[in-house]
Amino acid sequence: MGALLKQVVGGLEKIPVEISRAYQEQRKAIDGREPRLSDIVKMLQTASSNERTFICIDALGECVPEHRIKLLHSLNQILQWSTDTRIFVTGRPYIIPEIGKRLSGRVKSLSISTKREDIIEYLHSRLQDDTTPDAMDDSLEADILSKIPRNVSEM
């Protein structure tokens, strides 16, 4: 969330007074203690309340479940405060119910999956660009073009 705050504040023309004040208070704390998650969420609410804000999070399912819960809870708090904020999240299908639950049902889901033909076309193009063409014979190429598309998991 701290990295997200840094990106959002970095995109602002002027840093809100509340965020500057909070930063200065943290620097005065013992050993320059980092802000708590609740402080970061408040600063993100402030930063995104006057500006249309887009937050993009990729591969949410790879986040440790304990951290994912805190992240989604924090994002929900930001959405409640900042009605002009939009969140774009990518992840595997199993994560959709958790996102819907944690973001108070304010979610629109779009399922995107791979097509076997697209994978084959991509593999063909990569094989043609191979800088060591002697490392592969026709049999290995045929194996690659049949096994990989068949075994690709849903993305």
N, C-alpha and C. Protein backbone atom coordinates (compact mmCIF):
# COMPACT_ATOMS: atom_id res chain seq x y z
N MET A 1 0.83 -1.19 0.00
CA MET A 1 0.00 0.00 0.00
C MET A 1 0.88 1.26 0.00
N GLY A 2 2.04 1.15 0.64
CA GLY A 2 2.95 2.29 0.65
C GLY A 2 3.44 2.62 -0.76
N ALA A 3 3.75 1.58 -1.55
CA ALA A 3 4.19 1.79 -2.93
C ALA A 3 3.06 2.40 -3.76
N LEU A 4 1.86 1.97 -3.50
CA LEU A 4 0.69 2.52 -4.19
C LEU A 4 0.53 4.00 -3.85
N LEU A 5 0.66 4.33 -2.58
CA LEU A 5 0.57 5.73 -2.15
C LEU A 5 1.63 6.57 -2.85
N LYS A 6 2.83 6.05 -2.93
CA LYS A 6 3.92 6.78 -3.59
C LYS A 6 3.56 7.06 -5.05
N GLN A 7 3.00 6.08 -5.74
CA GLN A 7 2.63 6.26 -7.14
C GLN A 7 1.50 7.28 -7.30
N VAL A 8 0.49 7.18 -6.44
CA VAL A 8 -0.66 8.09 -6.53
C VAL A 8 -0.21 9.52 -6.25
N VAL A 9 0.55 9.71 -5.18
CA VAL A 9 1.02 11.05 -4.82
C VAL A 9 1.95 11.59 -5.90
N GLY A 10 2.77 10.72 -6.48
CA GLY A 10 3.68 11.13 -7.55
C GLY A 10 2.95 11.65 -8.78
N GLY A 11 1.71 11.24 -8.97
CA GLY A 11 0.93 11.68 -10.11
C GLY A 11 0.15 12.96 -9.86
N LEU A 12 0.19 13.46 -8.65
CA LEU A 12 -0.55 14.69 -8.33
C LEU A 12 0.27 15.92 -8.68
N GLU A 13 -0.42 16.99 -9.08
CA GLU A 13 0.28 18.25 -9.35
C GLU A 13 0.80 18.85 -8.05
N LYS A 14 0.01 18.71 -6.99
CA LYS A 14 0.39 19.29 -5.70
C LYS A 14 0.07 18.26 -4.61
N ILE A 15 1.00 18.06 -3.70
CA ILE A 15 0.79 17.11 -2.61
C ILE A 15 -0.14 17.75 -1.58
N PRO A 16 -1.24 17.06 -1.23
CA PRO A 16 -2.17 17.62 -0.24
C PRO A 16 -1.46 17.88 1.11
N VAL A 17 -1.87 18.94 1.77
CA VAL A 17 -1.28 19.35 3.04
C VAL A 17 -1.33 18.21 4.06
N GLU A 18 -2.46 17.48 4.10
CA GLU A 18 -2.61 16.40 5.07
C GLU A 18 -1.55 15.32 4.88
N ILE A 19 -1.18 15.03 3.65
CA ILE A 19 -0.17 14.01 3.38
C ILE A 19 1.22 14.53 3.74
N SER A 20 1.50 15.76 3.41
CA SER A 20 2.80 16.35 3.80
C SER A 20 2.96 16.37 5.31
N ARG A 21 1.89 16.75 6.01
CA ARG A 21 1.93 16.80 7.46
C ARG A 21 2.16 15.40 8.04
N ALA A 22 1.44 14.41 7.53
CA ALA A 22 1.59 13.04 8.02
C ALA A 22 3.02 12.53 7.78
N TYR A 23 3.59 12.86 6.63
CA TYR A 23 4.96 12.45 6.32
C TYR A 23 5.94 13.08 7.30
N GLN A 24 5.77 14.37 7.57
CA GLN A 24 6.67 15.05 8.51
C GLN A 24 6.55 14.47 9.92
N GLU A 25 5.33 14.13 10.33
CA GLU A 25 5.12 13.53 11.65
C GLU A 25 5.82 12.18 11.76
N GLN A 26 5.77 11.40 10.69
CA GLN A 26 6.43 10.09 10.69
C GLN A 26 7.95 10.24 10.77
N ARG A 27 8.49 11.25 10.11
CA ARG A 27 9.94 11.46 10.14
C ARG A 27 10.40 11.84 11.54
N LYS A 28 9.54 12.51 12.32
CA LYS A 28 9.89 12.91 13.68
C LYS A 28 9.77 11.75 14.67
N ALA A 29 9.00 10.72 14.30
CA ALA A 29 8.80 9.58 15.20
C ALA A 29 10.12 8.85 15.41
N ILE A 30 10.15 8.02 16.43
CA ILE A 30 11.37 7.27 16.78
C ILE A 30 11.86 6.49 15.57
N ASP A 31 13.12 6.72 15.20
CA ASP A 31 13.75 6.06 14.05
C ASP A 31 12.99 6.25 12.75
N GLY A 32 12.22 7.29 12.62
CA GLY A 32 11.50 7.53 11.38
C GLY A 32 10.56 6.39 11.02
N ARG A 33 9.83 5.90 12.01
CA ARG A 33 8.91 4.76 11.85
C ARG A 33 8.04 4.94 10.61
N GLU A 34 7.86 3.83 9.90
CA GLU A 34 6.99 3.87 8.72
C GLU A 34 5.54 4.02 9.15
N PRO A 35 4.72 4.63 8.32
CA PRO A 35 3.31 4.80 8.68
C PRO A 35 2.59 3.45 8.77
N ARG A 36 1.62 3.39 9.64
CA ARG A 36 0.79 2.18 9.77
C ARG A 36 -0.11 2.08 8.54
N LEU A 37 -0.63 0.89 8.31
CA LEU A 37 -1.51 0.66 7.17
C LEU A 37 -2.70 1.62 7.22
N SER A 38 -3.26 1.81 8.40
CA SER A 38 -4.43 2.71 8.51
C SER A 38 -4.07 4.14 8.11
N ASP A 39 -2.84 4.57 8.43
CA ASP A 39 -2.39 5.91 8.04
C ASP A 39 -2.23 6.00 6.51
N ILE A 40 -1.69 4.95 5.93
CA ILE A 40 -1.49 4.93 4.48
C ILE A 40 -2.85 4.99 3.78
N VAL A 41 -3.81 4.22 4.28
CA VAL A 41 -5.16 4.21 3.68
C VAL A 41 -5.76 5.61 3.76
N LYS A 42 -5.63 6.28 4.90
CA LYS A 42 -6.16 7.65 5.03
C LYS A 42 -5.50 8.59 4.03
N MET A 43 -4.18 8.44 3.85
CA MET A 43 -3.48 9.30 2.89
C MET A 43 -3.94 8.99 1.46
N LEU A 44 -4.16 7.72 1.15
CA LEU A 44 -4.66 7.36 -0.18
C LEU A 44 -6.07 7.90 -0.39
N GLN A 45 -6.89 7.86 0.66
CA GLN A 45 -8.23 8.43 0.56
C GLN A 45 -8.15 9.92 0.25
N THR A 46 -7.25 10.60 0.94
CA THR A 46 -7.07 12.03 0.72
C THR A 46 -6.57 12.30 -0.70
N ALA A 47 -5.56 11.55 -1.12
CA ALA A 47 -4.96 11.78 -2.44
C ALA A 47 -5.93 11.50 -3.57
N SER A 48 -6.81 10.53 -3.38
CA SER A 48 -7.72 10.15 -4.47
C SER A 48 -9.09 10.79 -4.37
N SER A 49 -9.34 11.56 -3.30
CA SER A 49 -10.68 12.13 -3.13
C SER A 49 -10.95 13.29 -4.08
N ASN A 50 -9.92 14.00 -4.52
CA ASN A 50 -10.13 15.16 -5.39
C ASN A 50 -9.71 14.91 -6.83
N GLU A 51 -9.15 13.74 -7.10
CA GLU A 51 -8.67 13.41 -8.43
C GLU A 51 -9.24 12.07 -8.85
N ARG A 52 -9.59 11.93 -10.10
CA ARG A 52 -10.00 10.62 -10.61
C ARG A 52 -8.76 9.73 -10.56
N THR A 53 -8.89 8.60 -9.89
CA THR A 53 -7.74 7.73 -9.65
C THR A 53 -8.03 6.33 -10.15
N PHE A 54 -7.05 5.75 -10.83
CA PHE A 54 -7.14 4.38 -11.30
C PHE A 54 -6.04 3.58 -10.62
N ILE A 55 -6.44 2.50 -9.96
CA ILE A 55 -5.49 1.63 -9.27
C ILE A 55 -5.51 0.28 -9.99
N CYS A 56 -4.35 -0.18 -10.40
CA CYS A 56 -4.24 -1.45 -11.11
C CYS A 56 -3.39 -2.42 -10.28
N ILE A 57 -3.92 -3.60 -10.05
CA ILE A 57 -3.21 -4.62 -9.30
C ILE A 57 -3.21 -5.90 -10.14
N ASP A 58 -2.04 -6.38 -10.44
CA ASP A 58 -1.89 -7.55 -11.29
C ASP A 58 -1.63 -8.80 -10.44
N ALA A 59 -2.21 -9.92 -10.85
CA ALA A 59 -1.98 -11.23 -10.25
C ALA A 59 -2.28 -11.26 -8.75
N LEU A 60 -3.45 -10.80 -8.39
CA LEU A 60 -3.83 -10.74 -6.97
C LEU A 60 -3.77 -12.10 -6.29
N GLY A 61 -4.07 -13.16 -7.00
CA GLY A 61 -4.04 -14.49 -6.42
C GLY A 61 -2.66 -14.92 -5.95
N GLU A 62 -1.61 -14.28 -6.43
CA GLU A 62 -0.26 -14.61 -6.01
C GLU A 62 0.11 -13.95 -4.69
N CYS A 63 -0.73 -13.07 -4.21
CA CYS A 63 -0.52 -12.41 -2.92
C CYS A 63 -0.84 -13.40 -1.80
N VAL A 64 -0.05 -13.41 -0.75
CA VAL A 64 -0.30 -14.26 0.40
C VAL A 64 -1.71 -13.96 0.92
N PRO A 65 -2.51 -15.01 1.18
CA PRO A 65 -3.91 -14.77 1.59
C PRO A 65 -4.09 -13.75 2.71
N GLU A 66 -3.24 -13.79 3.72
CA GLU A 66 -3.36 -12.84 4.84
C GLU A 66 -3.17 -11.41 4.35
N HIS A 67 -2.21 -11.19 3.48
CA HIS A 67 -1.97 -9.85 2.94
C HIS A 67 -3.06 -9.45 1.95
N ARG A 68 -3.56 -10.43 1.21
CA ARG A 68 -4.63 -10.17 0.23
C ARG A 68 -5.88 -9.64 0.92
N ILE A 69 -6.22 -10.22 2.06
CA ILE A 69 -7.39 -9.77 2.82
C ILE A 69 -7.20 -8.32 3.26
N LYS A 70 -6.02 -8.00 3.78
CA LYS A 70 -5.75 -6.62 4.21
C LYS A 70 -5.76 -5.65 3.03
N LEU A 71 -5.19 -6.09 1.92
CA LEU A 71 -5.16 -5.25 0.73
C LEU A 71 -6.57 -4.95 0.23
N LEU A 72 -7.39 -5.99 0.10
CA LEU A 72 -8.77 -5.79 -0.37
C LEU A 72 -9.58 -4.95 0.61
N HIS A 73 -9.38 -5.15 1.90
CA HIS A 73 -10.07 -4.33 2.91
C HIS A 73 -9.66 -2.86 2.75
N SER A 74 -8.38 -2.63 2.57
CA SER A 74 -7.89 -1.25 2.40
C SER A 74 -8.45 -0.62 1.13
N LEU A 75 -8.48 -1.39 0.05
CA LEU A 75 -9.04 -0.87 -1.21
C LEU A 75 -10.51 -0.54 -1.05
N ASN A 76 -11.22 -1.37 -0.30
CA ASN A 76 -12.63 -1.11 -0.05
C ASN A 76 -12.82 0.21 0.72
N GLN A 77 -11.96 0.46 1.69
CA GLN A 77 -12.03 1.72 2.43
C GLN A 77 -11.78 2.91 1.50
N ILE A 78 -10.85 2.76 0.59
CA ILE A 78 -10.56 3.84 -0.35
C ILE A 78 -11.76 4.08 -1.26
N LEU A 79 -12.38 3.00 -1.75
CA LEU A 79 -13.56 3.13 -2.61
C LEU A 79 -14.72 3.82 -1.90
N GLN A 80 -14.89 3.54 -0.61
CA GLN A 80 -15.98 4.16 0.15
C GLN A 80 -15.77 5.66 0.27
N TRP A 81 -14.55 6.09 0.40
CA TRP A 81 -14.23 7.50 0.60
C TRP A 81 -14.12 8.25 -0.73
N SER A 82 -13.56 7.58 -1.73
CA SER A 82 -13.23 8.22 -3.00
C SER A 82 -14.08 7.61 -4.11
N THR A 83 -15.23 8.21 -4.36
CA THR A 83 -16.18 7.63 -5.31
C THR A 83 -15.69 7.69 -6.75
N ASP A 84 -14.69 8.50 -7.03
CA ASP A 84 -14.15 8.60 -8.39
C ASP A 84 -12.96 7.66 -8.62
N THR A 85 -12.66 6.83 -7.65
CA THR A 85 -11.56 5.88 -7.79
C THR A 85 -12.05 4.61 -8.46
N ARG A 86 -11.26 4.09 -9.37
CA ARG A 86 -11.57 2.84 -10.06
C ARG A 86 -10.41 1.87 -9.83
N ILE A 87 -10.75 0.61 -9.61
CA ILE A 87 -9.73 -0.40 -9.35
C ILE A 87 -9.82 -1.49 -10.41
N PHE A 88 -8.68 -1.81 -10.98
CA PHE A 88 -8.58 -2.88 -11.98
C PHE A 88 -7.69 -3.96 -11.39
N VAL A 89 -8.22 -5.16 -11.29
CA VAL A 89 -7.48 -6.27 -10.68
C VAL A 89 -7.46 -7.45 -11.64
N THR A 90 -6.29 -8.06 -11.79
CA THR A 90 -6.22 -9.29 -12.57
C THR A 90 -5.94 -10.45 -11.62
N GLY A 91 -6.44 -11.59 -12.00
CA GLY A 91 -6.20 -12.79 -11.20
C GLY A 91 -6.93 -13.97 -11.80
N ARG A 92 -6.63 -15.11 -11.31
CA ARG A 92 -7.27 -16.34 -11.80
C ARG A 92 -8.71 -16.38 -11.30
N PRO A 93 -9.53 -17.19 -11.95
CA PRO A 93 -10.97 -17.21 -11.64
C PRO A 93 -11.31 -17.51 -10.18
N TYR A 94 -10.51 -18.29 -9.48
CA TYR A 94 -10.85 -18.64 -8.10
C TYR A 94 -10.86 -17.43 -7.16
N ILE A 95 -10.24 -16.35 -7.56
CA ILE A 95 -10.14 -15.17 -6.70
C ILE A 95 -11.34 -14.24 -6.82
N ILE A 96 -12.16 -14.41 -7.86
CA ILE A 96 -13.29 -13.51 -8.12
C ILE A 96 -14.27 -13.43 -6.95
N PRO A 97 -14.69 -14.57 -6.35
CA PRO A 97 -15.63 -14.44 -5.22
C PRO A 97 -15.06 -13.65 -4.04
N GLU A 98 -13.78 -13.83 -3.77
CA GLU A 98 -13.17 -13.08 -2.66
C GLU A 98 -13.14 -11.59 -2.96
N ILE A 99 -12.82 -11.24 -4.18
CA ILE A 99 -12.80 -9.82 -4.56
C ILE A 99 -14.19 -9.23 -4.40
N GLY A 100 -15.21 -9.93 -4.90
CA GLY A 100 -16.58 -9.45 -4.78
C GLY A 100 -17.01 -9.27 -3.34
N LYS A 101 -16.63 -10.22 -2.50
CA LYS A 101 -16.99 -10.16 -1.08
C LYS A 101 -16.28 -9.00 -0.38
N ARG A 102 -15.00 -8.86 -0.61
CA ARG A 102 -14.20 -7.86 0.10
C ARG A 102 -14.40 -6.44 -0.41
N LEU A 103 -14.85 -6.32 -1.66
CA LEU A 103 -15.08 -4.99 -2.21
C LEU A 103 -16.58 -4.68 -2.25
N SER A 104 -17.30 -5.25 -1.34
CA SER A 104 -18.72 -4.97 -1.13
C SER A 104 -19.56 -5.13 -2.39
N GLY A 105 -19.22 -6.09 -3.22
CA GLY A 105 -20.02 -6.36 -4.41
C GLY A 105 -19.92 -5.33 -5.51
N ARG A 106 -19.05 -4.35 -5.36
CA ARG A 106 -18.91 -3.30 -6.39
C ARG A 106 -17.89 -3.74 -7.44
N VAL A 107 -18.14 -4.92 -7.99
CA VAL A 107 -17.18 -5.51 -8.90
C VAL A 107 -17.86 -5.93 -10.19
N LYS A 108 -17.20 -5.66 -11.28
CA LYS A 108 -17.63 -6.18 -12.57
C LYS A 108 -16.52 -7.12 -13.02
N SER A 109 -16.90 -8.32 -13.37
CA SER A 109 -15.94 -9.33 -13.73
C SER A 109 -15.96 -9.59 -15.22
N LEU A 110 -14.80 -9.75 -15.78
CA LEU A 110 -14.65 -10.06 -17.19
C LEU A 110 -13.71 -11.24 -17.31
N SER A 111 -14.21 -12.33 -17.84
CA SER A 111 -13.40 -13.53 -17.99
C SER A 111 -12.66 -13.49 -19.32
N ILE A 112 -11.36 -13.66 -19.23
CA ILE A 112 -10.52 -13.69 -20.43
C ILE A 112 -9.75 -15.00 -20.40
N SER A 113 -9.82 -15.74 -21.49
CA SER A 113 -9.08 -16.99 -21.54
C SER A 113 -8.32 -17.10 -22.86
N THR A 114 -7.36 -17.99 -22.85
CA THR A 114 -6.54 -18.17 -24.04
C THR A 114 -7.25 -19.05 -25.06
N LYS A 115 -6.88 -18.88 -26.31
CA LYS A 115 -7.38 -19.73 -27.38
C LYS A 115 -6.19 -20.54 -27.89
N ARG A 116 -6.44 -21.79 -28.12
CA ARG A 116 -5.37 -22.70 -28.57
C ARG A 116 -4.68 -22.15 -29.82
N GLU A 117 -5.44 -21.61 -30.76
CA GLU A 117 -4.88 -21.08 -31.99
C GLU A 117 -3.92 -19.91 -31.73
N ASP A 118 -4.27 -19.07 -30.75
CA ASP A 118 -3.41 -17.94 -30.40
C ASP A 118 -2.08 -18.41 -29.84
N ILE A 119 -2.14 -19.45 -29.02
CA ILE A 119 -0.91 -19.99 -28.42
C ILE A 119 -0.02 -20.58 -29.51
N ILE A 120 -0.62 -21.31 -30.42
CA ILE A 120 0.15 -21.91 -31.52
C ILE A 120 0.79 -20.81 -32.38
N GLU A 121 0.03 -19.77 -32.68
CA GLU A 121 0.56 -18.66 -33.49
C GLU A 121 1.72 -17.98 -32.76
N TYR A 122 1.57 -17.77 -31.46
CA TYR A 122 2.64 -17.16 -30.67
C TYR A 122 3.89 -18.05 -30.68
N LEU A 123 3.71 -19.35 -30.47
CA LEU A 123 4.85 -20.27 -30.46
C LEU A 123 5.55 -20.28 -31.82
N HIS A 124 4.77 -20.29 -32.91
CA HIS A 124 5.36 -20.24 -34.25
C HIS A 124 6.25 -19.01 -34.40
N SER A 125 5.74 -17.85 -33.98
CA SER A 125 6.51 -16.62 -34.14
C SER A 125 7.78 -16.65 -33.29
N ARG A 126 7.70 -17.20 -32.10
CA ARG A 126 8.89 -17.29 -31.24
C ARG A 126 9.92 -18.27 -31.81
N LEU A 127 9.44 -19.37 -32.35
CA LEU A 127 10.35 -20.36 -32.93
C LEU A 127 11.03 -19.81 -34.18
N GLN A 128 10.33 -18.98 -34.93
CA GLN A 128 10.93 -18.38 -36.13
C GLN A 128 12.00 -17.35 -35.77
N ASP A 129 11.85 -16.73 -34.59
CA ASP A 129 12.82 -15.72 -34.13
C ASP A 129 13.97 -16.33 -33.34
N ASP A 130 14.02 -17.64 -33.25
CA ASP A 130 15.04 -18.34 -32.47
C ASP A 130 16.43 -17.99 -33.00
N THR A 131 17.31 -17.55 -32.13
CA THR A 131 18.66 -17.16 -32.53
C THR A 131 19.61 -18.35 -32.66
N THR A 132 19.16 -19.51 -32.21
CA THR A 132 19.96 -20.74 -32.35
C THR A 132 19.12 -21.81 -33.03
N PRO A 133 18.82 -21.65 -34.31
CA PRO A 133 17.93 -22.58 -35.00
C PRO A 133 18.47 -24.00 -35.08
N ASP A 134 19.79 -24.17 -34.99
CA ASP A 134 20.36 -25.51 -35.06
C ASP A 134 20.09 -26.33 -33.81
N ALA A 135 19.64 -25.69 -32.74
CA ALA A 135 19.39 -26.40 -31.49
C ALA A 135 18.09 -27.19 -31.53
N MET A 136 17.30 -27.01 -32.58
CA MET A 136 16.00 -27.66 -32.64
C MET A 136 15.82 -28.39 -33.96
N ASP A 137 15.28 -29.61 -33.84
CA ASP A 137 14.95 -30.34 -35.06
C ASP A 137 13.44 -30.33 -35.25
N ASP A 138 12.98 -30.89 -36.35
CA ASP A 138 11.54 -30.89 -36.66
C ASP A 138 10.72 -31.63 -35.61
N SER A 139 11.28 -32.67 -35.04
CA SER A 139 10.57 -33.47 -34.03
C SER A 139 10.33 -32.66 -32.75
N LEU A 140 11.37 -31.94 -32.30
CA LEU A 140 11.23 -31.12 -31.09
C LEU A 140 10.23 -29.99 -31.33
N GLU A 141 10.30 -29.37 -32.51
CA GLU A 141 9.36 -28.30 -32.83
C GLU A 141 7.92 -28.83 -32.84
N ALA A 142 7.70 -29.98 -33.42
CA ALA A 142 6.37 -30.59 -33.44
C ALA A 142 5.88 -30.89 -32.03
N ASP A 143 6.79 -31.38 -31.17
CA ASP A 143 6.43 -31.64 -29.77
C ASP A 143 6.00 -30.35 -29.07
N ILE A 144 6.76 -29.30 -29.26
CA ILE A 144 6.45 -28.00 -28.63
C ILE A 144 5.08 -27.51 -29.10
N LEU A 145 4.86 -27.59 -30.40
CA LEU A 145 3.61 -27.08 -30.97
C LEU A 145 2.39 -27.93 -30.63
N SER A 146 2.59 -29.14 -30.17
CA SER A 146 1.43 -29.96 -29.79
C SER A 146 1.22 -29.99 -28.28
N LYS A 147 2.30 -30.08 -27.50
CA LYS A 147 2.16 -30.26 -26.06
C LYS A 147 1.87 -28.97 -25.30
N ILE A 148 2.55 -27.91 -25.64
CA ILE A 148 2.36 -26.66 -24.88
C ILE A 148 0.94 -26.14 -25.00
N PRO A 149 0.38 -26.01 -26.21
CA PRO A 149 -1.01 -25.52 -26.29
C PRO A 149 -2.00 -26.43 -25.56
N ARG A 150 -1.74 -27.71 -25.55
CA ARG A 150 -2.64 -28.65 -24.89
C ARG A 150 -2.56 -28.52 -23.37
N ASN A 151 -1.39 -28.17 -22.86
CA ASN A 151 -1.19 -28.15 -21.40
C ASN A 151 -1.26 -26.76 -20.76
N VAL A 152 -1.50 -25.75 -21.56
CA VAL A 152 -1.54 -24.38 -21.00
C VAL A 152 -2.75 -24.27 -20.07
N SER A 153 -2.50 -23.72 -18.89
CA SER A 153 -3.61 -23.54 -17.94
C SER A 153 -4.35 -22.26 -18.25
N GLU A 154 -5.53 -22.13 -17.70
CA GLU A 154 -6.32 -20.92 -17.88
C GLU A 154 -5.57 -19.75 -17.27
N MET A 155 -5.58 -18.63 -17.97
CA MET A 155 -4.82 -17.47 -17.50
C MET A 155 -5.76 -16.38 -17.05
